N, C-alpha and C. Protein backbone atom coordinates (compact mmCIF):
# COMPACT_ATOMS: atom_id res chain seq x y z
N MET A 1 -140.58 -99.66 74.00
CA MET A 1 -139.67 -99.35 72.93
C MET A 1 -138.81 -98.16 73.37
N LYS A 2 -137.49 -98.35 73.36
CA LYS A 2 -136.54 -97.33 73.77
C LYS A 2 -135.92 -96.70 72.53
N ARG A 3 -136.07 -95.39 72.35
CA ARG A 3 -135.54 -94.69 71.17
C ARG A 3 -134.56 -93.62 71.63
N ARG A 4 -133.42 -93.49 70.87
CA ARG A 4 -132.48 -92.42 71.18
C ARG A 4 -131.55 -92.16 70.00
N LEU A 5 -130.92 -91.00 70.03
CA LEU A 5 -129.92 -90.65 69.04
C LEU A 5 -128.61 -91.30 69.45
N ALA A 6 -127.94 -91.95 68.49
CA ALA A 6 -126.69 -92.63 68.80
C ALA A 6 -125.79 -92.64 67.59
N ALA A 7 -124.49 -92.70 67.87
CA ALA A 7 -123.51 -92.95 66.82
C ALA A 7 -123.36 -94.46 66.74
N ILE A 8 -123.50 -95.00 65.54
CA ILE A 8 -123.44 -96.45 65.35
C ILE A 8 -122.24 -96.81 64.47
N LEU A 9 -121.45 -97.74 64.95
CA LEU A 9 -120.35 -98.32 64.18
C LEU A 9 -120.77 -99.73 63.79
N ALA A 10 -120.82 -99.97 62.48
CA ALA A 10 -121.08 -101.32 61.96
C ALA A 10 -119.76 -101.82 61.39
N ALA A 11 -119.35 -103.01 61.77
CA ALA A 11 -118.08 -103.56 61.30
C ALA A 11 -118.22 -105.05 61.07
N ASP A 12 -117.49 -105.54 60.06
CA ASP A 12 -117.46 -106.99 59.86
C ASP A 12 -116.12 -107.41 59.30
N VAL A 13 -115.85 -108.70 59.44
CA VAL A 13 -114.59 -109.29 58.99
C VAL A 13 -114.69 -109.52 57.48
N VAL A 14 -113.68 -109.06 56.77
CA VAL A 14 -113.61 -109.22 55.32
C VAL A 14 -113.31 -110.68 54.99
N ASP A 15 -114.04 -111.23 54.03
CA ASP A 15 -113.82 -112.60 53.51
C ASP A 15 -113.93 -113.69 54.58
N TYR A 16 -114.81 -113.48 55.55
CA TYR A 16 -114.95 -114.42 56.66
C TYR A 16 -115.28 -115.83 56.18
N SER A 17 -116.22 -115.97 55.27
CA SER A 17 -116.60 -117.31 54.79
C SER A 17 -115.44 -118.00 54.11
N ARG A 18 -114.70 -117.27 53.29
CA ARG A 18 -113.53 -117.85 52.62
C ARG A 18 -112.49 -118.28 53.65
N LEU A 19 -112.23 -117.42 54.63
CA LEU A 19 -111.24 -117.73 55.67
C LEU A 19 -111.64 -118.99 56.43
N MET A 20 -112.93 -119.09 56.77
CA MET A 20 -113.42 -120.27 57.49
C MET A 20 -113.26 -121.53 56.64
N GLY A 21 -113.52 -121.41 55.34
CA GLY A 21 -113.38 -122.56 54.45
C GLY A 21 -111.94 -123.01 54.30
N GLU A 22 -111.01 -122.07 54.33
CA GLU A 22 -109.59 -122.40 54.16
C GLU A 22 -108.97 -122.98 55.42
N ASP A 23 -109.30 -122.39 56.58
CA ASP A 23 -108.70 -122.86 57.83
C ASP A 23 -109.58 -122.39 58.99
N GLN A 24 -110.56 -123.20 59.31
CA GLN A 24 -111.53 -122.84 60.34
C GLN A 24 -110.87 -122.61 61.69
N ALA A 25 -109.97 -123.49 62.10
CA ALA A 25 -109.34 -123.36 63.42
C ALA A 25 -108.52 -122.07 63.52
N GLN A 26 -107.74 -121.77 62.50
CA GLN A 26 -106.92 -120.56 62.52
C GLN A 26 -107.82 -119.31 62.52
N THR A 27 -108.88 -119.33 61.72
CA THR A 27 -109.78 -118.18 61.65
C THR A 27 -110.47 -117.94 62.98
N LEU A 28 -110.98 -119.00 63.59
CA LEU A 28 -111.65 -118.84 64.89
C LEU A 28 -110.70 -118.38 65.97
N ASP A 29 -109.46 -118.90 65.96
CA ASP A 29 -108.46 -118.44 66.93
C ASP A 29 -108.15 -116.96 66.72
N ALA A 30 -107.97 -116.55 65.47
CA ALA A 30 -107.67 -115.15 65.16
C ALA A 30 -108.84 -114.25 65.56
N LEU A 31 -110.05 -114.69 65.28
CA LEU A 31 -111.24 -113.92 65.63
C LEU A 31 -111.38 -113.78 67.15
N ARG A 32 -111.18 -114.87 67.85
CA ARG A 32 -111.26 -114.86 69.32
C ARG A 32 -110.20 -113.92 69.90
N GLN A 33 -108.98 -113.99 69.39
CA GLN A 33 -107.90 -113.13 69.86
C GLN A 33 -108.22 -111.66 69.56
N PHE A 34 -108.71 -111.39 68.35
CA PHE A 34 -109.08 -110.02 67.98
C PHE A 34 -110.15 -109.47 68.93
N ARG A 35 -111.18 -110.25 69.17
CA ARG A 35 -112.26 -109.78 70.05
C ARG A 35 -111.75 -109.50 71.46
N ASN A 36 -110.98 -110.44 72.01
CA ASN A 36 -110.55 -110.33 73.40
C ASN A 36 -109.45 -109.29 73.62
N GLU A 37 -108.52 -109.17 72.67
CA GLU A 37 -107.35 -108.34 72.88
C GLU A 37 -107.44 -106.95 72.24
N LEU A 38 -108.31 -106.78 71.26
CA LEU A 38 -108.39 -105.49 70.59
C LEU A 38 -109.81 -104.92 70.62
N LEU A 39 -110.75 -105.60 70.01
CA LEU A 39 -112.10 -105.04 69.85
C LEU A 39 -112.74 -104.65 71.17
N GLU A 40 -112.94 -105.60 72.06
CA GLU A 40 -113.67 -105.32 73.29
C GLU A 40 -112.97 -104.30 74.18
N PRO A 41 -111.64 -104.39 74.39
CA PRO A 41 -110.98 -103.35 75.21
C PRO A 41 -111.05 -101.95 74.58
N VAL A 42 -110.89 -101.86 73.26
CA VAL A 42 -110.90 -100.56 72.60
C VAL A 42 -112.31 -99.96 72.63
N VAL A 43 -113.32 -100.78 72.42
CA VAL A 43 -114.71 -100.29 72.51
C VAL A 43 -114.97 -99.74 73.91
N THR A 44 -114.57 -100.46 74.93
CA THR A 44 -114.76 -100.01 76.31
C THR A 44 -114.01 -98.71 76.57
N THR A 45 -112.77 -98.63 76.11
CA THR A 45 -111.96 -97.42 76.30
C THR A 45 -112.60 -96.20 75.67
N HIS A 46 -113.32 -96.39 74.56
CA HIS A 46 -113.95 -95.27 73.86
C HIS A 46 -115.43 -95.13 74.20
N ASN A 47 -115.83 -95.68 75.34
CA ASN A 47 -117.19 -95.51 75.88
C ASN A 47 -118.28 -96.08 74.97
N GLY A 48 -117.94 -97.15 74.26
CA GLY A 48 -118.92 -97.79 73.39
C GLY A 48 -119.53 -99.01 74.04
N SER A 49 -120.57 -99.51 73.38
CA SER A 49 -121.25 -100.70 73.86
C SER A 49 -121.61 -101.57 72.66
N ILE A 50 -121.15 -102.81 72.68
CA ILE A 50 -121.49 -103.74 71.62
C ILE A 50 -122.94 -104.15 71.85
N VAL A 51 -123.83 -103.74 70.93
CA VAL A 51 -125.25 -104.01 71.12
C VAL A 51 -125.73 -105.20 70.31
N LYS A 52 -124.93 -105.63 69.34
CA LYS A 52 -125.32 -106.80 68.55
C LYS A 52 -124.07 -107.47 68.00
N ARG A 53 -124.00 -108.78 68.19
CA ARG A 53 -122.91 -109.58 67.64
C ARG A 53 -123.49 -110.43 66.51
N LEU A 54 -122.79 -110.45 65.39
CA LEU A 54 -123.28 -111.16 64.22
C LEU A 54 -122.30 -112.24 63.77
N GLY A 55 -121.58 -112.86 64.69
CA GLY A 55 -120.59 -113.86 64.33
C GLY A 55 -119.30 -113.20 63.88
N ASP A 56 -119.30 -112.71 62.64
CA ASP A 56 -118.12 -112.02 62.11
C ASP A 56 -118.34 -110.52 62.02
N GLY A 57 -119.38 -110.00 62.68
CA GLY A 57 -119.66 -108.58 62.62
C GLY A 57 -120.26 -108.08 63.92
N TRP A 58 -120.29 -106.74 64.05
CA TRP A 58 -120.75 -106.12 65.27
C TRP A 58 -121.47 -104.82 64.95
N ILE A 59 -122.46 -104.52 65.78
CA ILE A 59 -123.10 -103.21 65.80
C ILE A 59 -122.74 -102.63 67.17
N ILE A 60 -122.07 -101.48 67.14
CA ILE A 60 -121.56 -100.87 68.37
C ILE A 60 -122.14 -99.47 68.51
N GLU A 61 -122.66 -99.16 69.68
CA GLU A 61 -123.30 -97.88 69.95
C GLU A 61 -122.36 -96.98 70.76
N PHE A 62 -122.39 -95.69 70.41
CA PHE A 62 -121.64 -94.67 71.14
C PHE A 62 -122.55 -93.47 71.35
N ALA A 63 -122.37 -92.77 72.45
CA ALA A 63 -123.11 -91.53 72.68
C ALA A 63 -122.50 -90.40 71.86
N SER A 64 -121.23 -90.54 71.53
CA SER A 64 -120.49 -89.50 70.80
C SER A 64 -119.96 -90.05 69.48
N VAL A 65 -120.18 -89.31 68.40
CA VAL A 65 -119.64 -89.73 67.11
C VAL A 65 -118.12 -89.65 67.12
N SER A 66 -117.55 -88.72 67.87
CA SER A 66 -116.09 -88.63 67.98
C SER A 66 -115.51 -89.89 68.60
N ASP A 67 -116.17 -90.40 69.64
CA ASP A 67 -115.72 -91.66 70.25
C ASP A 67 -115.82 -92.81 69.25
N ALA A 68 -116.89 -92.85 68.47
CA ALA A 68 -117.07 -93.91 67.48
C ALA A 68 -115.95 -93.87 66.43
N VAL A 69 -115.64 -92.69 65.94
CA VAL A 69 -114.59 -92.55 64.92
C VAL A 69 -113.23 -92.91 65.50
N GLU A 70 -112.91 -92.39 66.68
CA GLU A 70 -111.63 -92.71 67.31
C GLU A 70 -111.50 -94.20 67.57
N CYS A 71 -112.57 -94.84 68.03
CA CYS A 71 -112.57 -96.27 68.28
C CYS A 71 -112.31 -97.05 67.00
N ALA A 72 -113.05 -96.71 65.94
CA ALA A 72 -112.90 -97.43 64.67
C ALA A 72 -111.50 -97.27 64.11
N LEU A 73 -110.96 -96.06 64.18
CA LEU A 73 -109.59 -95.85 63.68
C LEU A 73 -108.56 -96.61 64.52
N HIS A 74 -108.77 -96.64 65.83
CA HIS A 74 -107.88 -97.39 66.72
C HIS A 74 -107.89 -98.88 66.36
N ILE A 75 -109.08 -99.41 66.13
CA ILE A 75 -109.20 -100.82 65.77
C ILE A 75 -108.55 -101.09 64.42
N GLN A 76 -108.84 -100.24 63.41
CA GLN A 76 -108.25 -100.44 62.08
C GLN A 76 -106.72 -100.37 62.16
N ASN A 77 -106.19 -99.41 62.90
CA ASN A 77 -104.73 -99.30 63.05
C ASN A 77 -104.15 -100.52 63.77
N GLY A 78 -104.89 -101.03 64.75
CA GLY A 78 -104.44 -102.22 65.47
C GLY A 78 -104.41 -103.47 64.61
N LEU A 79 -105.17 -103.46 63.52
CA LEU A 79 -105.20 -104.61 62.61
C LEU A 79 -104.30 -104.43 61.38
N ALA A 80 -103.60 -103.32 61.29
CA ALA A 80 -102.83 -102.99 60.09
C ALA A 80 -101.89 -104.11 59.66
N ASP A 81 -101.27 -104.79 60.60
CA ASP A 81 -100.31 -105.85 60.26
C ASP A 81 -100.83 -107.25 60.57
N HIS A 82 -102.12 -107.36 60.80
CA HIS A 82 -102.68 -108.67 61.17
C HIS A 82 -102.67 -109.61 59.97
N ASP A 83 -102.33 -110.86 60.21
CA ASP A 83 -102.22 -111.84 59.14
C ASP A 83 -103.56 -112.37 58.64
N VAL A 84 -104.59 -112.34 59.47
CA VAL A 84 -105.86 -112.98 59.12
C VAL A 84 -107.02 -111.99 59.08
N ILE A 85 -107.20 -111.24 60.15
CA ILE A 85 -108.39 -110.41 60.31
C ILE A 85 -108.20 -109.03 59.68
N ARG A 86 -109.14 -108.68 58.81
CA ARG A 86 -109.26 -107.33 58.27
C ARG A 86 -110.73 -106.95 58.39
N LEU A 87 -110.99 -105.70 58.73
CA LEU A 87 -112.36 -105.24 58.88
C LEU A 87 -112.71 -104.21 57.82
N ARG A 88 -113.99 -104.08 57.59
CA ARG A 88 -114.52 -102.93 56.89
C ARG A 88 -115.59 -102.37 57.82
N SER A 89 -115.69 -101.03 57.87
CA SER A 89 -116.53 -100.41 58.88
C SER A 89 -117.27 -99.20 58.33
N GLY A 90 -118.42 -98.91 58.95
CA GLY A 90 -119.19 -97.72 58.61
C GLY A 90 -119.74 -97.09 59.87
N ILE A 91 -119.82 -95.75 59.87
CA ILE A 91 -120.35 -95.02 61.03
C ILE A 91 -121.40 -94.02 60.55
N HIS A 92 -122.49 -93.98 61.30
CA HIS A 92 -123.54 -92.99 61.07
C HIS A 92 -124.10 -92.58 62.43
N ILE A 93 -124.58 -91.37 62.50
CA ILE A 93 -125.27 -90.93 63.71
C ILE A 93 -126.73 -90.73 63.34
N GLY A 94 -127.61 -91.36 64.09
CA GLY A 94 -129.03 -91.28 63.78
C GLY A 94 -129.87 -91.88 64.87
N ASP A 95 -131.16 -91.86 64.65
CA ASP A 95 -132.14 -92.38 65.59
C ASP A 95 -132.08 -93.91 65.60
N VAL A 96 -132.08 -94.50 66.77
CA VAL A 96 -132.12 -95.95 66.91
C VAL A 96 -133.20 -96.35 67.90
N VAL A 97 -133.71 -97.55 67.72
CA VAL A 97 -134.74 -98.10 68.58
C VAL A 97 -134.23 -99.42 69.14
N PHE A 98 -134.31 -99.57 70.45
CA PHE A 98 -133.93 -100.81 71.09
C PHE A 98 -135.19 -101.58 71.44
N GLU A 99 -135.27 -102.81 70.98
CA GLU A 99 -136.41 -103.66 71.24
C GLU A 99 -135.89 -105.04 71.61
N GLU A 100 -136.24 -105.49 72.79
CA GLU A 100 -135.72 -106.73 73.34
C GLU A 100 -134.20 -106.69 73.27
N GLU A 101 -133.56 -107.64 72.58
CA GLU A 101 -132.10 -107.64 72.50
C GLU A 101 -131.62 -107.28 71.10
N ASP A 102 -132.31 -106.35 70.47
CA ASP A 102 -131.96 -105.95 69.11
C ASP A 102 -132.02 -104.44 68.99
N VAL A 103 -131.45 -103.92 67.92
CA VAL A 103 -131.43 -102.49 67.66
C VAL A 103 -131.80 -102.25 66.20
N PHE A 104 -132.60 -101.23 65.96
CA PHE A 104 -133.09 -100.91 64.62
C PHE A 104 -133.01 -99.41 64.40
N GLY A 105 -133.24 -98.99 63.17
CA GLY A 105 -133.39 -97.58 62.88
C GLY A 105 -132.38 -97.05 61.89
N ASP A 106 -132.56 -95.77 61.57
CA ASP A 106 -131.72 -95.09 60.59
C ASP A 106 -130.24 -95.19 60.94
N GLY A 107 -129.90 -95.03 62.19
CA GLY A 107 -128.50 -95.09 62.61
C GLY A 107 -127.86 -96.41 62.23
N VAL A 108 -128.57 -97.49 62.43
CA VAL A 108 -128.06 -98.83 62.11
C VAL A 108 -128.06 -99.06 60.61
N ASN A 109 -129.15 -98.71 59.95
CA ASN A 109 -129.28 -98.98 58.51
C ASN A 109 -128.20 -98.29 57.69
N VAL A 110 -127.97 -97.01 57.95
CA VAL A 110 -126.98 -96.27 57.17
C VAL A 110 -125.57 -96.76 57.50
N ALA A 111 -125.27 -96.99 58.78
CA ALA A 111 -123.94 -97.50 59.16
C ALA A 111 -123.67 -98.84 58.47
N ALA A 112 -124.67 -99.72 58.43
CA ALA A 112 -124.50 -101.03 57.79
C ALA A 112 -124.30 -100.89 56.28
N ARG A 113 -124.99 -99.97 55.66
CA ARG A 113 -124.82 -99.75 54.21
C ARG A 113 -123.44 -99.19 53.91
N LEU A 114 -122.94 -98.30 54.76
CA LEU A 114 -121.60 -97.77 54.58
C LEU A 114 -120.55 -98.87 54.75
N GLU A 115 -120.76 -99.70 55.76
CA GLU A 115 -119.84 -100.83 55.99
C GLU A 115 -119.77 -101.72 54.76
N GLU A 116 -120.90 -101.99 54.13
CA GLU A 116 -120.93 -102.83 52.93
C GLU A 116 -120.16 -102.20 51.77
N LEU A 117 -120.13 -100.88 51.69
CA LEU A 117 -119.42 -100.17 50.62
C LEU A 117 -117.92 -100.04 50.88
N ALA A 118 -117.51 -100.19 52.14
CA ALA A 118 -116.10 -100.00 52.50
C ALA A 118 -115.23 -101.10 51.91
N LYS A 119 -114.03 -100.70 51.54
CA LYS A 119 -113.03 -101.67 51.08
C LYS A 119 -112.36 -102.29 52.31
N PRO A 120 -111.69 -103.42 52.16
CA PRO A 120 -110.99 -104.02 53.29
C PRO A 120 -110.05 -103.02 53.97
N GLY A 121 -110.17 -102.93 55.28
CA GLY A 121 -109.35 -102.02 56.06
C GLY A 121 -109.83 -100.58 56.05
N GLU A 122 -111.00 -100.34 55.45
CA GLU A 122 -111.49 -98.98 55.28
C GLU A 122 -112.63 -98.67 56.24
N LEU A 123 -112.71 -97.40 56.63
CA LEU A 123 -113.80 -96.88 57.44
C LEU A 123 -114.49 -95.80 56.64
N LEU A 124 -115.79 -95.95 56.42
CA LEU A 124 -116.59 -94.92 55.77
C LEU A 124 -117.51 -94.30 56.81
N ILE A 125 -117.68 -92.98 56.74
CA ILE A 125 -118.58 -92.30 57.66
C ILE A 125 -119.59 -91.49 56.84
N SER A 126 -120.77 -91.35 57.40
CA SER A 126 -121.82 -90.59 56.74
C SER A 126 -121.50 -89.10 56.81
N ASP A 127 -122.15 -88.33 55.96
CA ASP A 127 -121.98 -86.89 55.99
C ASP A 127 -122.42 -86.33 57.34
N THR A 128 -123.48 -86.89 57.90
CA THR A 128 -123.95 -86.46 59.22
C THR A 128 -122.87 -86.67 60.28
N ALA A 129 -122.21 -87.82 60.24
CA ALA A 129 -121.12 -88.09 61.18
C ALA A 129 -119.95 -87.16 60.92
N TYR A 130 -119.61 -86.97 59.64
CA TYR A 130 -118.50 -86.10 59.26
C TYR A 130 -118.71 -84.68 59.78
N GLN A 131 -119.93 -84.18 59.66
CA GLN A 131 -120.24 -82.82 60.11
C GLN A 131 -120.20 -82.70 61.64
N SER A 132 -120.22 -83.82 62.34
CA SER A 132 -120.29 -83.82 63.80
C SER A 132 -118.93 -83.98 64.48
N ILE A 133 -117.87 -84.25 63.70
CA ILE A 133 -116.56 -84.45 64.31
C ILE A 133 -115.71 -83.19 64.16
N ASP A 134 -114.65 -83.10 64.97
CA ASP A 134 -113.81 -81.92 64.92
C ASP A 134 -112.93 -81.92 63.67
N GLY A 135 -112.32 -80.78 63.41
CA GLY A 135 -111.52 -80.61 62.20
C GLY A 135 -110.36 -81.57 62.07
N LYS A 136 -109.70 -81.89 63.18
CA LYS A 136 -108.56 -82.81 63.15
C LYS A 136 -109.00 -84.20 62.70
N ALA A 137 -110.09 -84.69 63.27
CA ALA A 137 -110.61 -86.00 62.89
C ALA A 137 -111.16 -85.97 61.47
N ALA A 138 -111.84 -84.89 61.12
CA ALA A 138 -112.44 -84.77 59.78
C ALA A 138 -111.37 -84.77 58.70
N ALA A 139 -110.19 -84.23 58.99
CA ALA A 139 -109.11 -84.17 58.00
C ALA A 139 -108.69 -85.57 57.54
N GLN A 140 -108.90 -86.58 58.37
CA GLN A 140 -108.54 -87.95 58.00
C GLN A 140 -109.48 -88.51 56.92
N PHE A 141 -110.59 -87.84 56.69
CA PHE A 141 -111.57 -88.31 55.72
C PHE A 141 -111.69 -87.39 54.50
N SER A 142 -110.81 -86.44 54.39
CA SER A 142 -110.95 -85.43 53.34
C SER A 142 -110.70 -85.97 51.94
N ASP A 143 -109.99 -87.08 51.80
CA ASP A 143 -109.70 -87.63 50.47
C ASP A 143 -110.72 -88.67 50.01
N GLY A 144 -111.76 -88.85 50.78
CA GLY A 144 -112.73 -89.89 50.49
C GLY A 144 -113.66 -89.52 49.34
N HIS A 145 -114.34 -90.53 48.85
CA HIS A 145 -115.32 -90.34 47.78
C HIS A 145 -116.70 -90.27 48.40
N SER A 146 -117.60 -89.61 47.70
CA SER A 146 -118.96 -89.48 48.17
C SER A 146 -119.82 -90.59 47.54
N HIS A 147 -120.68 -91.17 48.35
CA HIS A 147 -121.63 -92.19 47.89
C HIS A 147 -123.04 -91.70 48.20
N GLN A 148 -123.94 -91.89 47.28
CA GLN A 148 -125.34 -91.56 47.53
C GLN A 148 -126.05 -92.83 47.97
N LEU A 149 -126.61 -92.83 49.19
CA LEU A 149 -127.29 -94.02 49.69
C LEU A 149 -128.79 -93.86 49.53
């Protein structure tokens, strides 16, 4: 069992089931294009690693919470004018455990709960993550609401 502190970005496609029901071919093409042209290159650029793929969602690990936030914002900005794909995302920094080809722990659980609370196109970060980023990055989250998890 491998345990370490990590910044976790949890993200998923908004209304994926509805999109698939309306136009499966268009949705899959848009998803494939998003993964190949935006998600995977941006994650690599920000020193992240996709540790779990969930079809329409991802769990991404970073050694630095600043890299996780910059990556998530880069991805959200890259999707601002996209016709099909919109994401909601959450970031937390916490203890994670890697077992076989899966990841567990507080870092994943809180990031996933934040992602579920996010509105389409929104990134929510935990207080722990917020306290770990610099003032310039933190200023982008100053108008947010607080949620008790």
